[in-house]
Amino acid sequence: MPFAVVQANLDPVPSEHLRAAFEHVATLTRQDADVLAKDAFGILAEKLPFDDAAAIHRELAARGVDTEVVDHAFEEETLWLLWQQSRPRRGQDPSEDT
């Protein structure tokens, strides 16, 4: 079963953090990290064995990047929930933190 690494929030992830994390996965390269960092929004890596996804999660956590390892089948639902949480609610001032 494939897994994905998704952001727990939608803060930009520095490319150097992705490069360092991807060094622990044989199928990903520094170039993959650079390309991904330009458009990283939610999904940071996908279709990985659990051990590879967990390695990326650990390395990013060590650098202060909050991620989750999810079953690839649930990735779209996870991103939908993250998007919903990031939107201001009706009647809420968008500048207020919740």
Protein backbone atom coordinates (compact mmCIF):
# COMPACT_ATOMS: atom_id res chain seq x y z
CA MET A 1 0.00 0.00 0.00
CA PRO A 2 1.50 3.39 -0.97
CA PHE A 3 1.79 6.31 1.44
CA ALA A 4 2.08 10.07 1.11
CA VAL A 5 3.72 12.76 3.21
CA VAL A 6 1.44 15.77 3.58
CA GLN A 7 1.91 19.07 5.31
CA ALA A 8 0.08 19.50 8.59
CA ASN A 9 -0.21 23.21 7.74
CA LEU A 10 0.27 25.16 4.56
CA ASP A 11 3.48 27.00 5.44
CA PRO A 12 6.11 26.98 2.68
CA VAL A 13 8.76 24.29 3.08
CA PRO A 14 12.34 25.46 2.37
CA SER A 15 13.97 23.48 -0.42
CA GLU A 16 17.02 22.75 1.76
CA HIS A 17 14.73 20.93 4.23
CA LEU A 18 13.24 18.82 1.44
CA ARG A 19 16.72 18.08 0.03
CA ALA A 20 17.91 16.84 3.42
CA ALA A 21 14.81 14.66 3.86
CA PHE A 22 14.95 13.23 0.34
CA GLU A 23 18.55 12.10 0.88
CA HIS A 24 17.10 9.30 3.01
CA VAL A 25 15.00 7.88 0.16
CA ALA A 26 16.76 6.02 -2.66
CA THR A 27 14.10 6.86 -5.26
CA LEU A 28 14.15 10.65 -4.67
CA THR A 29 16.88 13.15 -5.55
CA ARG A 30 17.95 16.67 -4.62
CA GLN A 31 16.54 17.77 -7.97
CA ASP A 32 13.17 16.25 -7.01
CA ALA A 33 13.26 18.34 -3.84
CA ASP A 34 14.08 21.54 -5.74
CA VAL A 35 11.26 21.00 -8.23
CA LEU A 36 8.80 20.09 -5.50
CA ALA A 37 9.75 23.05 -3.30
CA LYS A 38 8.65 25.47 -6.03
CA ASP A 39 5.09 24.11 -5.99
CA ALA A 40 4.85 22.34 -2.63
CA PHE A 41 1.34 22.83 -1.36
CA GLY A 42 -0.02 20.03 0.74
CA ILE A 43 1.53 16.90 -0.76
CA LEU A 44 5.30 16.72 -0.27
CA ALA A 45 5.83 13.15 -1.48
CA GLU A 46 3.49 10.42 -2.63
CA LYS A 47 3.27 6.79 -3.71
CA LEU A 48 6.03 5.75 -1.31
CA PRO A 49 6.53 2.66 0.83
CA PHE A 50 5.79 3.40 4.48
CA ASP A 51 9.46 3.29 5.53
CA ASP A 52 10.41 5.97 2.96
CA ALA A 53 7.45 8.19 3.90
CA ALA A 54 8.31 7.81 7.59
CA ALA A 55 11.97 8.73 6.91
CA ILE A 56 10.92 11.94 5.15
CA HIS A 57 8.49 12.72 7.99
CA ARG A 58 11.22 12.23 10.63
CA GLU A 59 13.78 14.34 8.78
CA LEU A 60 11.33 17.19 8.20
CA ALA A 61 10.18 17.05 11.84
CA ALA A 62 13.81 17.41 12.93
CA ARG A 63 13.87 20.65 10.91
CA GLY A 64 10.61 21.99 12.36
CA VAL A 65 8.36 21.07 9.42
CA ASP A 66 5.08 19.56 10.62
CA THR A 67 3.92 16.70 8.37
CA GLU A 68 1.81 13.57 8.50
CA VAL A 69 2.23 10.20 6.80
CA VAL A 70 -1.09 9.14 5.31
CA ASP A 71 -2.38 6.25 3.28
CA HIS A 72 -2.24 7.49 -0.32
CA ALA A 73 -5.93 6.66 -0.74
CA PHE A 74 -6.83 9.21 1.94
CA GLU A 75 -4.53 11.97 0.72
CA GLU A 76 -7.25 13.91 -1.13
CA GLU A 77 -9.53 13.85 1.91
CA THR A 78 -6.65 14.98 4.12
CA LEU A 79 -5.86 17.91 1.84
CA TRP A 80 -9.52 18.89 1.74
CA LEU A 81 -9.59 18.98 5.55
CA LEU A 82 -6.39 21.06 5.69
CA TRP A 83 -7.84 23.49 3.18
CA GLN A 84 -11.07 23.77 5.17
CA GLN A 85 -9.12 24.46 8.37
CA SER A 86 -7.05 27.18 6.69
CA ARG A 87 -10.07 29.14 5.46
CA PRO A 88 -11.68 31.82 7.59
CA ARG A 89 -15.14 30.84 8.80
CA ARG A 90 -18.17 32.91 7.93
CA GLY A 91 -18.25 35.98 10.14
CA GLN A 92 -14.63 35.49 11.25
CA ASP A 93 -12.09 38.21 10.62
CA PRO A 94 -9.39 36.58 8.41
CA SER A 95 -6.69 38.44 10.34
CA GLU A 96 -7.70 36.74 13.61
CA ASP A 97 -5.88 33.56 14.57
CA THR A 98 -8.07 30.72 15.76
